[in-house]
Amino acid sequence: EKLPISEACNAYDFGQMVNAVNTTKDKAACAELLTVTEPKKLPALMSNKLEGEIFLIFIQSMEYYLVGKDPGLVYQHLFYLSKAERFKVVLALLSKTEKEQVQHLFAVLAKKQSNQYSLEELESLKKVYEL
């Protein structure tokens, strides 16, 4: 059964959708959620709910479904995700394998061209992700 995904107007609704996506590990639905969510709203919508599992499903969904179609959107989401509460805590708790997944997404972004980010901006963001 396909998860109902729509643009969330508040942190509670967003949290409900994120939890559903995380419970089912539905990366396609997660990608859809990220597509309908304005990147700059991500920190407010995440509130203080960012956790490792959620962070990773975001990364995987962006890699599998979004980076090929819209690398600019992926860059924007990575940028604003780094502004979310608990980002540094989640980053510190990532395993080596999980960090490699993030590194791989950045590598794919570096190969893609987008007018929404320069390679310098991408390198700068990589430092924020401690890569």
Protein backbone atom coordinates (compact mmCIF):
# COMPACT_ATOMS: atom_id res chain seq x y z
CA GLU A 1 0.00 0.00 0.00
CA LYS A 2 1.38 3.38 -1.04
CA LEU A 3 1.97 5.85 1.78
CA PRO A 4 -0.07 9.05 1.46
CA ILE A 5 2.48 11.83 1.02
CA SER A 6 1.65 15.51 0.89
CA GLU A 7 3.29 18.78 1.79
CA ALA A 8 3.33 19.14 5.57
CA CYS A 9 2.20 22.44 7.02
CA ASN A 10 3.63 21.82 10.48
CA ALA A 11 6.21 19.80 12.38
CA TYR A 12 3.60 17.36 13.72
CA ASP A 13 2.30 16.39 10.25
CA PHE A 14 5.83 16.17 8.87
CA GLY A 15 6.87 14.02 11.82
CA GLN A 16 3.94 11.65 11.21
CA MET A 17 4.94 11.21 7.56
CA VAL A 18 8.64 10.81 8.42
CA ASN A 19 7.77 8.16 11.02
CA ALA A 20 5.59 6.27 8.51
CA VAL A 21 8.36 6.41 5.89
CA ASN A 22 10.95 5.31 8.44
CA THR A 23 8.81 2.44 9.79
CA THR A 24 8.18 1.03 6.32
CA LYS A 25 11.69 1.96 5.02
CA ASP A 26 9.88 3.26 1.91
CA LYS A 27 12.64 5.22 0.17
CA ALA A 28 10.39 6.11 -2.79
CA ALA A 29 7.83 7.67 -0.44
CA CYS A 30 10.62 9.45 1.42
CA ALA A 31 11.92 10.86 -1.87
CA GLU A 32 8.39 12.04 -2.65
CA LEU A 33 8.19 13.70 0.78
CA LEU A 34 11.51 15.47 0.17
CA THR A 35 10.30 16.56 -3.28
CA VAL A 36 7.16 18.22 -1.92
CA THR A 37 8.97 19.76 1.07
CA GLU A 38 10.64 23.11 0.56
CA PRO A 39 14.27 22.61 1.67
CA LYS A 40 14.46 25.79 3.73
CA LYS A 41 11.48 24.60 5.82
CA LEU A 42 13.25 21.34 6.70
CA PRO A 43 14.91 22.49 9.97
CA ALA A 44 11.61 23.83 11.36
CA LEU A 45 9.64 20.80 10.19
CA MET A 46 12.20 18.40 11.69
CA SER A 47 12.03 20.34 14.95
CA ASN A 48 14.16 18.36 17.44
CA LYS A 49 13.26 14.98 15.94
CA LEU A 50 16.31 14.31 13.75
CA GLU A 51 17.68 10.84 14.46
CA GLY A 52 20.25 8.61 12.80
CA GLU A 53 17.69 6.31 11.14
CA ILE A 54 15.76 9.25 9.70
CA PHE A 55 18.95 10.97 8.56
CA LEU A 56 20.03 7.79 6.74
CA ILE A 57 16.71 7.20 4.99
CA PHE A 58 16.86 10.83 3.80
CA ILE A 59 20.40 10.24 2.45
CA GLN A 60 19.44 6.94 0.78
CA SER A 61 16.25 8.35 -0.73
CA MET A 62 18.12 11.32 -2.16
CA GLU A 63 20.76 9.01 -3.62
CA TYR A 64 18.38 6.41 -5.10
CA TYR A 65 15.57 8.64 -6.33
CA LEU A 66 16.45 12.33 -6.45
CA VAL A 67 20.09 13.03 -7.29
CA GLY A 68 19.71 11.82 -10.89
CA LYS A 69 16.62 13.93 -11.49
CA ASP A 70 17.32 17.04 -9.46
CA PRO A 71 20.82 17.44 -8.00
CA GLY A 72 20.02 21.05 -7.05
CA LEU A 73 17.18 19.91 -4.81
CA VAL A 74 19.46 17.34 -3.17
CA TYR A 75 22.10 20.00 -2.51
CA GLN A 76 19.45 22.30 -0.98
CA HIS A 77 18.14 19.52 1.27
CA LEU A 78 21.65 18.60 2.41
CA PHE A 79 22.36 22.26 3.11
CA TYR A 80 19.23 22.79 5.21
CA LEU A 81 19.44 19.37 6.87
CA SER A 82 22.77 20.53 8.30
CA LYS A 83 20.90 23.40 10.00
CA ALA A 84 18.47 21.06 11.77
CA GLU A 85 18.55 20.68 15.52
CA ARG A 86 20.53 17.58 16.58
CA PHE A 87 22.41 17.46 13.24
CA LYS A 88 25.85 17.46 14.94
CA VAL A 89 24.72 14.76 17.39
CA VAL A 90 23.45 12.52 14.57
CA LEU A 91 26.63 13.11 12.58
CA ALA A 92 28.80 12.17 15.55
CA LEU A 93 26.94 8.87 15.98
CA LEU A 94 27.18 7.68 12.36
CA SER A 95 29.15 4.49 11.77
CA LYS A 96 31.96 4.32 9.23
CA THR A 97 29.63 2.59 6.71
CA GLU A 98 26.93 5.22 7.23
CA LYS A 99 29.45 8.02 6.72
CA GLU A 100 30.52 6.31 3.49
CA GLN A 101 26.90 6.49 2.25
CA VAL A 102 26.90 10.24 2.86
CA GLN A 103 30.31 10.54 1.18
CA HIS A 104 28.98 8.65 -1.85
CA LEU A 105 26.01 11.00 -2.21
CA PHE A 106 28.41 13.98 -2.19
CA ALA A 107 30.56 12.22 -4.82
CA VAL A 108 27.53 11.77 -7.08
CA LEU A 109 26.59 15.44 -6.56
CA ALA A 110 30.11 16.51 -7.52
CA LYS A 111 29.76 14.66 -10.86
CA LYS A 112 26.38 16.25 -11.59
CA GLN A 113 26.17 19.79 -12.85
CA SER A 114 23.62 22.18 -11.43
CA ASN A 115 23.26 25.91 -11.53
CA GLN A 116 22.07 25.71 -7.91
CA TYR A 117 25.49 25.01 -6.45
CA SER A 118 29.16 25.38 -7.35
CA LEU A 119 31.86 22.82 -6.59
CA GLU A 120 33.23 25.27 -3.99
CA GLU A 121 29.85 25.37 -2.23
CA LEU A 122 29.69 21.58 -2.37
CA GLU A 123 33.19 21.29 -0.86
CA SER A 124 32.22 23.74 1.86
CA LEU A 125 29.09 21.70 2.67
CA LYS A 126 31.17 18.49 2.77
CA LYS A 127 33.20 20.08 5.57
CA VAL A 128 29.98 20.74 7.51
CA TYR A 129 29.24 17.02 7.14
CA GLU A 130 32.80 16.35 8.38
CA LEU A 131 33.78 14.46 5.21
